[in-house]
Structure formats: structure tokens, C-alpha cells
Amino acid sequence: MGIAMGWWNGFGSASWLSYGPIIMLVLMAGGGLLVYFMMRGQRGEMRNDIALHILKERYARGEIDKDEYEERRRGLDA
């Protein structure tokens, strides 16, 4: 009876507990990669929005003409 209690201990074989730290590291790494890839895409969009905003300001101030504005805007959309 003592051997059975030691083996079972109410939780079954406890060998699965040794995988806990490994599972936690895998989950943390996966979460970190998810955040990295989500933020990477948004930074590119933000840079494009800022560049377009600056381009519109330069056109509004008369620093560039309409043809140059259109050409550069097409370059940003590509």
C-alpha cells in the first residue's frame, strides 16, 4: 500500500511536472515572437504615414510642385 501511495500520490505519475519549465519557456518565446511580428508590421505603416504627412506639408508650403508630389506619393504607395 505504501508503494502504491508513493507512486500514485493522488496526482498520478509526477514525471510530467519536469516539463513545466520547458513549456513555460516555449510559451514565453512564442508570445515574444508574436509581439515582435505584430509590432514590426505596424512600424512600417507608421513610417509610411509620417512620410506622406511630411510630403503633404511640403506640397502645402509650396516647396514641391504637383508633379513632384504625385511622383513621390506613388513611390510611397509602392
PDB file of N, CA and C in Angstrom:
ATOM      1  N   MET A   1       0.824  -1.194   0.000  1.00  0.00           N
ATOM      2  CA  MET A   1       0.000   0.000   0.000  1.00  0.00           C
ATOM      3  C   MET A   1       0.867   1.256   0.000  1.00  0.00           C
ATOM      4  N   GLY A   2       1.987   1.242   0.717  1.00  0.00           N
ATOM      5  CA  GLY A   2       2.877   2.394   0.755  1.00  0.00           C
ATOM      6  C   GLY A   2       3.489   2.676  -0.611  1.00  0.00           C
ATOM      7  N   ILE A   3       3.846   1.648  -1.345  1.00  0.00           N
ATOM      8  CA  ILE A   3       4.427   1.829  -2.670  1.00  0.00           C
ATOM      9  C   ILE A   3       3.390   2.435  -3.615  1.00  0.00           C
ATOM     10  N   ALA A   4       2.181   1.943  -3.525  1.00  0.00           N
ATOM     11  CA  ALA A   4       1.127   2.467  -4.389  1.00  0.00           C
ATOM     12  C   ALA A   4       0.854   3.936  -4.083  1.00  0.00           C
ATOM     13  N   MET A   5       0.862   4.298  -2.812  1.00  0.00           N
ATOM     14  CA  MET A   5       0.612   5.688  -2.445  1.00  0.00           C
ATOM     15  C   MET A   5       1.761   6.583  -2.925  1.00  0.00           C
ATOM     16  N   GLY A   6       2.996   6.070  -2.821  1.00  0.00           N
ATOM     17  CA  GLY A   6       4.135   6.856  -3.276  1.00  0.00           C
ATOM     18  C   GLY A   6       4.112   7.051  -4.782  1.00  0.00           C
ATOM     19  N   TRP A   7       3.709   6.042  -5.504  1.00  0.00           N
ATOM     20  CA  TRP A   7       3.666   6.143  -6.959  1.00  0.00           C
ATOM     21  C   TRP A   7       2.500   7.006  -7.408  1.00  0.00           C
ATOM     22  N   TRP A   8       1.347   6.779  -6.835  1.00  0.00           N
ATOM     23  CA  TRP A   8       0.146   7.491  -7.269  1.00  0.00           C
ATOM     24  C   TRP A   8       0.102   8.868  -6.630  1.00  0.00           C
ATOM     25  N   ASN A   9       0.240   8.941  -5.334  1.00  0.00           N
ATOM     26  CA  ASN A   9       0.309  10.193  -4.589  1.00  0.00           C
ATOM     27  C   ASN A   9      -0.855  11.128  -4.888  1.00  0.00           C
ATOM     28  N   GLY A  10      -1.926  10.604  -5.400  1.00  0.00           N
ATOM     29  CA  GLY A  10      -3.095  11.427  -5.670  1.00  0.00           C
ATOM     30  C   GLY A  10      -3.006  12.234  -6.955  1.00  0.00           C
ATOM     31  N   PHE A  11      -1.842  12.300  -7.604  1.00  0.00           N
ATOM     32  CA  PHE A  11      -1.665  13.109  -8.806  1.00  0.00           C
ATOM     33  C   PHE A  11      -1.199  12.297  -9.999  1.00  0.00           C
ATOM     34  N   GLY A  12      -1.071  11.009  -9.841  1.00  0.00           N
ATOM     35  CA  GLY A  12      -0.555  10.187 -10.929  1.00  0.00           C
ATOM     36  C   GLY A  12       0.951  10.277 -10.972  1.00  0.00           C
ATOM     37  N   SER A  13       1.533   9.845 -12.037  1.00  0.00           N
ATOM     38  CA  SER A  13       2.976   9.919 -12.178  1.00  0.00           C
ATOM     39  C   SER A  13       3.384  11.377 -12.311  1.00  0.00           C
ATOM     40  N   ALA A  14       4.251  11.849 -11.448  1.00  0.00           N
ATOM     41  CA  ALA A  14       4.618  13.260 -11.419  1.00  0.00           C
ATOM     42  C   ALA A  14       5.723  13.596 -12.411  1.00  0.00           C
ATOM     43  N   SER A  15       6.078  12.703 -13.310  1.00  0.00           N
ATOM     44  CA  SER A  15       7.156  12.990 -14.257  1.00  0.00           C
ATOM     45  C   SER A  15       6.795  14.132 -15.202  1.00  0.00           C
ATOM     46  N   TRP A  16       5.532  14.383 -15.427  1.00  0.00           N
ATOM     47  CA  TRP A  16       5.117  15.474 -16.308  1.00  0.00           C
ATOM     48  C   TRP A  16       5.451  16.827 -15.712  1.00  0.00           C
ATOM     49  N   LEU A  17       5.653  16.896 -14.390  1.00  0.00           N
ATOM     50  CA  LEU A  17       5.995  18.172 -13.751  1.00  0.00           C
ATOM     51  C   LEU A  17       7.360  18.690 -14.207  1.00  0.00           C
ATOM     52  N   SER A  18       8.233  17.809 -14.618  1.00  0.00           N
ATOM     53  CA  SER A  18       9.557  18.244 -15.060  1.00  0.00           C
ATOM     54  C   SER A  18       9.490  19.002 -16.381  1.00  0.00           C
ATOM     55  N   TYR A  19       8.410  18.878 -17.109  1.00  0.00           N
ATOM     56  CA  TYR A  19       8.256  19.593 -18.381  1.00  0.00           C
ATOM     57  C   TYR A  19       7.705  21.003 -18.193  1.00  0.00           C
ATOM     58  N   GLY A  20       7.295  21.357 -17.003  1.00  0.00           N
ATOM     59  CA  GLY A  20       6.709  22.667 -16.734  1.00  0.00           C
ATOM     60  C   GLY A  20       7.590  23.832 -17.152  1.00  0.00           C
ATOM     61  N   PRO A  21       8.849  23.880 -16.716  1.00  0.00           N
ATOM     62  CA  PRO A  21       9.721  24.991 -17.114  1.00  0.00           C
ATOM     63  C   PRO A  21       9.942  25.058 -18.628  1.00  0.00           C
ATOM     64  N   ILE A  22      10.041  23.909 -19.257  1.00  0.00           N
ATOM     65  CA  ILE A  22      10.239  23.889 -20.710  1.00  0.00           C
ATOM     66  C   ILE A  22       9.010  24.445 -21.417  1.00  0.00           C
ATOM     67  N   ILE A  23       7.838  24.029 -20.979  1.00  0.00           N
ATOM     68  CA  ILE A  23       6.594  24.524 -21.573  1.00  0.00           C
ATOM     69  C   ILE A  23       6.473  26.029 -21.362  1.00  0.00           C
ATOM     70  N   MET A  24       6.833  26.518 -20.166  1.00  0.00           N
ATOM     71  CA  MET A  24       6.761  27.950 -19.882  1.00  0.00           C
ATOM     72  C   MET A  24       7.692  28.739 -20.788  1.00  0.00           C
ATOM     73  N   LEU A  25       8.924  28.230 -20.988  1.00  0.00           N
ATOM     74  CA  LEU A  25       9.861  28.924 -21.879  1.00  0.00           C
ATOM     75  C   LEU A  25       9.358  28.954 -23.313  1.00  0.00           C
ATOM     76  N   VAL A  26       8.773  27.859 -23.777  1.00  0.00           N
ATOM     77  CA  VAL A  26       8.233  27.810 -25.140  1.00  0.00           C
ATOM     78  C   VAL A  26       7.088  28.803 -25.289  1.00  0.00           C
ATOM     79  N   LEU A  27       6.202  28.869 -24.295  1.00  0.00           N
ATOM     80  CA  LEU A  27       5.083  29.812 -24.357  1.00  0.00           C
ATOM     81  C   LEU A  27       5.567  31.260 -24.319  1.00  0.00           C
ATOM     82  N   MET A  28       6.556  31.550 -23.494  1.00  0.00           N
ATOM     83  CA  MET A  28       7.089  32.917 -23.417  1.00  0.00           C
ATOM     84  C   MET A  28       7.773  33.316 -24.721  1.00  0.00           C
ATOM     85  N   ALA A  29       8.538  32.387 -25.296  1.00  0.00           N
ATOM     86  CA  ALA A  29       9.201  32.676 -26.570  1.00  0.00           C
ATOM     87  C   ALA A  29       8.172  32.888 -27.675  1.00  0.00           C
ATOM     88  N   GLY A  30       7.134  32.064 -27.684  1.00  0.00           N
ATOM     89  CA  GLY A  30       6.077  32.227 -28.688  1.00  0.00           C
ATOM     90  C   GLY A  30       5.360  33.553 -28.538  1.00  0.00           C
ATOM     91  N   GLY A  31       5.079  33.962 -27.316  1.00  0.00           N
ATOM     92  CA  GLY A  31       4.439  35.256 -27.084  1.00  0.00           C
ATOM     93  C   GLY A  31       5.337  36.406 -27.502  1.00  0.00           C
ATOM     94  N   GLY A  32       6.628  36.285 -27.205  1.00  0.00           N
ATOM     95  CA  GLY A  32       7.574  37.327 -27.616  1.00  0.00           C
ATOM     96  C   GLY A  32       7.665  37.457 -29.130  1.00  0.00           C
ATOM     97  N   LEU A  33       7.693  36.323 -29.814  1.00  0.00           N
ATOM     98  CA  LEU A  33       7.730  36.362 -31.285  1.00  0.00           C
ATOM     99  C   LEU A  33       6.451  36.948 -31.860  1.00  0.00           C
ATOM    100  N   LEU A  34       5.331  36.622 -31.260  1.00  0.00           N
ATOM    101  CA  LEU A  34       4.054  37.171 -31.715  1.00  0.00           C
ATOM    102  C   LEU A  34       4.046  38.689 -31.594  1.00  0.00           C
ATOM    103  N   VAL A  35       4.477  39.199 -30.468  1.00  0.00           N
ATOM    104  CA  VAL A  35       4.534  40.653 -30.265  1.00  0.00           C
ATOM    105  C   VAL A  35       5.510  41.283 -31.246  1.00  0.00           C
ATOM    106  N   TYR A  36       6.669  40.667 -31.452  1.00  0.00           N
ATOM    107  CA  TYR A  36       7.659  41.199 -32.381  1.00  0.00           C
ATOM    108  C   TYR A  36       7.096  41.331 -33.792  1.00  0.00           C
ATOM    109  N   PHE A  37       6.464  40.276 -34.294  1.00  0.00           N
ATOM    110  CA  PHE A  37       5.949  40.319 -35.660  1.00  0.00           C
ATOM    111  C   PHE A  37       4.764  41.271 -35.799  1.00  0.00           C
ATOM    112  N   MET A  38       3.962  41.404 -34.756  1.00  0.00           N
ATOM    113  CA  MET A  38       2.850  42.351 -34.810  1.00  0.00           C
ATOM    114  C   MET A  38       3.360  43.787 -34.841  1.00  0.00           C
ATOM    115  N   MET A  39       4.358  44.092 -34.035  1.00  0.00           N
ATOM    116  CA  MET A  39       4.899  45.446 -33.981  1.00  0.00           C
ATOM    117  C   MET A  39       5.714  45.781 -35.221  1.00  0.00           C
ATOM    118  N   ARG A  40       6.365  44.803 -35.801  1.00  0.00           N
ATOM    119  CA  ARG A  40       7.176  45.049 -36.994  1.00  0.00           C
ATOM    120  C   ARG A  40       6.322  45.551 -38.139  1.00  0.00           C
ATOM    121  N   GLY A  41       5.154  44.975 -38.327  1.00  0.00           N
ATOM    122  CA  GLY A  41       4.264  45.410 -39.391  1.00  0.00           C
ATOM    123  C   GLY A  41       3.722  46.803 -39.164  1.00  0.00           C
ATOM    124  N   GLN A  42       3.427  47.158 -37.935  1.00  0.00           N
ATOM    125  CA  GLN A  42       2.868  48.472 -37.641  1.00  0.00           C
ATOM    126  C   GLN A  42       3.898  49.573 -37.784  1.00  0.00           C
ATOM    127  N   ARG A  43       5.152  49.281 -37.489  1.00  0.00           N
ATOM    128  CA  ARG A  43       6.175  50.316 -37.630  1.00  0.00           C
ATOM    129  C   ARG A  43       6.306  50.746 -39.085  1.00  0.00           C
ATOM    130  N   GLY A  44       6.220  49.808 -40.016  1.00  0.00           N
ATOM    131  CA  GLY A  44       6.308  50.149 -41.432  1.00  0.00           C
ATOM    132  C   GLY A  44       5.163  51.033 -41.869  1.00  0.00           C
ATOM    133  N   GLU A  45       3.961  50.730 -41.386  1.00  0.00           N
ATOM    134  CA  GLU A  45       2.802  51.553 -41.715  1.00  0.00           C
ATOM    135  C   GLU A  45       2.934  52.942 -41.115  1.00  0.00           C
ATOM    136  N   MET A  46       3.439  53.029 -39.906  1.00  0.00           N
ATOM    137  CA  MET A  46       3.587  54.321 -39.252  1.00  0.00           C
ATOM    138  C   MET A  46       4.600  55.183 -39.992  1.00  0.00           C
ATOM    139  N   ARG A  47       5.709  54.579 -40.441  1.00  0.00           N
ATOM    140  CA  ARG A  47       6.707  55.342 -41.189  1.00  0.00           C
ATOM    141  C   ARG A  47       6.122  55.875 -42.484  1.00  0.00           C
ATOM    142  N   ASN A  48       5.313  55.068 -43.160  1.00  0.00           N
ATOM    143  CA  ASN A  48       4.708  55.490 -44.410  1.00  0.00           C
ATOM    144  C   ASN A  48       3.734  56.636 -44.161  1.00  0.00           C
ATOM    145  N   ASP A  49       2.950  56.561 -43.072  1.00  0.00           N
ATOM    146  CA  ASP A  49       2.011  57.633 -42.747  1.00  0.00           C
ATOM    147  C   ASP A  49       2.746  58.933 -42.447  1.00  0.00           C
ATOM    148  N   ILE A  50       3.851  58.838 -41.716  1.00  0.00           N
ATOM    149  CA  ILE A  50       4.630  60.034 -41.388  1.00  0.00           C
ATOM    150  C   ILE A  50       5.225  60.639 -42.649  1.00  0.00           C
ATOM    151  N   ALA A  51       5.755  59.806 -43.529  1.00  0.00           N
ATOM    152  CA  ALA A  51       6.351  60.301 -44.772  1.00  0.00           C
ATOM    153  C   ALA A  51       5.302  60.983 -45.645  1.00  0.00           C
ATOM    154  N   LEU A  52       4.108  60.393 -45.709  1.00  0.00           N
ATOM    155  CA  LEU A  52       3.040  61.001 -46.508  1.00  0.00           C
ATOM    156  C   LEU A  52       2.609  62.329 -45.901  1.00  0.00           C
ATOM    157  N   HIS A  53       2.559  62.394 -44.586  1.00  0.00           N
ATOM    158  CA  HIS A  53       2.189  63.638 -43.912  1.00  0.00           C
ATOM    159  C   HIS A  53       3.207  64.739 -44.221  1.00  0.00           C
ATOM    160  N   ILE A  54       4.491  64.405 -44.156  1.00  0.00           N
ATOM    161  CA  ILE A  54       5.542  65.379 -44.468  1.00  0.00           C
ATOM    162  C   ILE A  54       5.450  65.821 -45.921  1.00  0.00           C
ATOM    163  N   LEU A  55       5.179  64.870 -46.803  1.00  0.00           N
ATOM    164  CA  LEU A  55       5.046  65.194 -48.220  1.00  0.00           C
ATOM    165  C   LEU A  55       3.893  66.164 -48.456  1.00  0.00           C
ATOM    166  N   LYS A  56       2.771  65.923 -47.798  1.00  0.00           N
ATOM    167  CA  LYS A  56       1.620  66.833 -47.931  1.00  0.00           C
ATOM    168  C   LYS A  56       1.951  68.222 -47.399  1.00  0.00           C
ATOM    169  N   GLU A  57       2.683  68.295 -46.303  1.00  0.00           N
ATOM    170  CA  GLU A  57       3.079  69.588 -45.747  1.00  0.00           C
ATOM    171  C   GLU A  57       3.991  70.343 -46.710  1.00  0.00           C
ATOM    172  N   ARG A  58       4.933  69.626 -47.309  1.00  0.00           N
ATOM    173  CA  ARG A  58       5.844  70.283 -48.259  1.00  0.00           C
ATOM    174  C   ARG A  58       5.087  70.806 -49.470  1.00  0.00           C
ATOM    175  N   TYR A  59       4.103  70.038 -49.926  1.00  0.00           N
ATOM    176  CA  TYR A  59       3.283  70.483 -51.060  1.00  0.00           C
ATOM    177  C   TYR A  59       2.453  71.706 -50.665  1.00  0.00           C
ATOM    178  N   ALA A  60       1.908  71.672 -49.460  1.00  0.00           N
ATOM    179  CA  ALA A  60       1.084  72.795 -48.999  1.00  0.00           C
ATOM    180  C   ALA A  60       1.916  74.065 -48.830  1.00  0.00           C
ATOM    181  N   ARG A  61       3.166  73.939 -48.434  1.00  0.00           N
ATOM    182  CA  ARG A  61       4.036  75.110 -48.269  1.00  0.00           C
ATOM    183  C   ARG A  61       4.597  75.596 -49.601  1.00  0.00           C
ATOM    184  N   GLY A  62       4.410  74.835 -50.655  1.00  0.00           N
ATOM    185  CA  GLY A  62       4.908  75.224 -51.973  1.00  0.00           C
ATOM    186  C   GLY A  62       6.350  74.822 -52.220  1.00  0.00           C
ATOM    187  N   GLU A  63       6.900  73.961 -51.393  1.00  0.00           N
ATOM    188  CA  GLU A  63       8.286  73.531 -51.585  1.00  0.00           C
ATOM    189  C   GLU A  63       8.424  72.606 -52.789  1.00  0.00           C
ATOM    190  N   ILE A  64       7.369  71.872 -53.108  1.00  0.00           N
ATOM    191  CA  ILE A  64       7.386  70.986 -54.272  1.00  0.00           C
ATOM    192  C   ILE A  64       6.136  71.259 -55.097  1.00  0.00           C
ATOM    193  N   ASP A  65       6.222  70.978 -56.390  1.00  0.00           N
ATOM    194  CA  ASP A  65       5.058  71.193 -57.247  1.00  0.00           C
ATOM    195  C   ASP A  65       4.195  69.936 -57.299  1.00  0.00           C
ATOM    196  N   LYS A  66       3.074  70.048 -58.028  1.00  0.00           N
ATOM    197  CA  LYS A  66       2.113  68.947 -58.064  1.00  0.00           C
ATOM    198  C   LYS A  66       2.710  67.685 -58.678  1.00  0.00           C
ATOM    199  N   ASP A  67       3.493  67.835 -59.747  1.00  0.00           N
ATOM    200  CA  ASP A  67       4.082  66.669 -60.404  1.00  0.00           C
ATOM    201  C   ASP A  67       5.040  65.921 -59.466  1.00  0.00           C
ATOM    202  N   GLU A  68       5.863  66.683 -58.753  1.00  0.00           N
ATOM    203  CA  GLU A  68       6.798  66.041 -57.837  1.00  0.00           C
ATOM    204  C   GLU A  68       6.048  65.387 -56.674  1.00  0.00           C
ATOM    205  N   TYR A  69       4.992  66.048 -56.199  1.00  0.00           N
ATOM    206  CA  TYR A  69       4.172  65.478 -55.132  1.00  0.00           C
ATOM    207  C   TYR A  69       3.579  64.142 -55.559  1.00  0.00           C
ATOM    208  N   GLU A  70       2.980  64.106 -56.758  1.00  0.00           N
ATOM    209  CA  GLU A  70       2.359  62.871 -57.252  1.00  0.00           C
ATOM    210  C   GLU A  70       3.390  61.760 -57.436  1.00  0.00           C
ATOM    211  N   GLU A  71       4.559  62.125 -57.970  1.00  0.00           N
ATOM    212  CA  GLU A  71       5.602  61.126 -58.197  1.00  0.00           C
ATOM    213  C   GLU A  71       6.077  60.519 -56.872  1.00  0.00           C
ATOM    214  N   ARG A  72       6.310  61.354 -55.888  1.00  0.00           N
ATOM    215  CA  ARG A  72       6.769  60.857 -54.588  1.00  0.00           C
ATOM    216  C   ARG A  72       5.675  60.080 -53.857  1.00  0.00           C
ATOM    217  N   ARG A  73       4.431  60.496 -53.997  1.00  0.00           N
ATOM    218  CA  ARG A  73       3.330  59.767 -53.363  1.00  0.00           C
ATOM    219  C   ARG A  73       3.198  58.372 -53.963  1.00  0.00           C
ATOM    220  N   ARG A  74       3.350  58.273 -55.276  1.00  0.00           N
ATOM    221  CA  ARG A  74       3.330  56.944 -55.924  1.00  0.00           C
ATOM    222  C   ARG A  74       4.473  56.083 -55.419  1.00  0.00           C
ATOM    223  N   GLY A  75       5.622  56.709 -55.189  1.00  0.00           N
ATOM    224  CA  GLY A  75       6.766  55.972 -54.653  1.00  0.00           C
ATOM    225  C   GLY A  75       6.490  55.440 -53.250  1.00  0.00           C
ATOM    226  N   LEU A  76       5.756  56.186 -52.460  1.00  0.00           N
ATOM    227  CA  LEU A  76       5.412  55.730 -51.114  1.00  0.00           C
ATOM    228  C   LEU A  76       4.383  54.618 -51.138  1.00  0.00           C
ATOM    229  N   ASP A  77       3.477  54.656 -52.098  1.00  0.00           N
ATOM    230  CA  ASP A  77       2.436  53.616 -52.201  1.00  0.00           C
ATOM    231  C   ASP A  77       2.982  52.290 -52.683  1.00  0.00           C
ATOM    232  N   ALA A  78       4.110  52.339 -53.400  1.00  0.00           N
ATOM    233  CA  ALA A  78       4.685  51.102 -53.964  1.00  0.00           C
ATOM    234  C   ALA A  78       5.309  50.228 -52.934  1.00  0.00           C
TER     235      ALA A  78
END
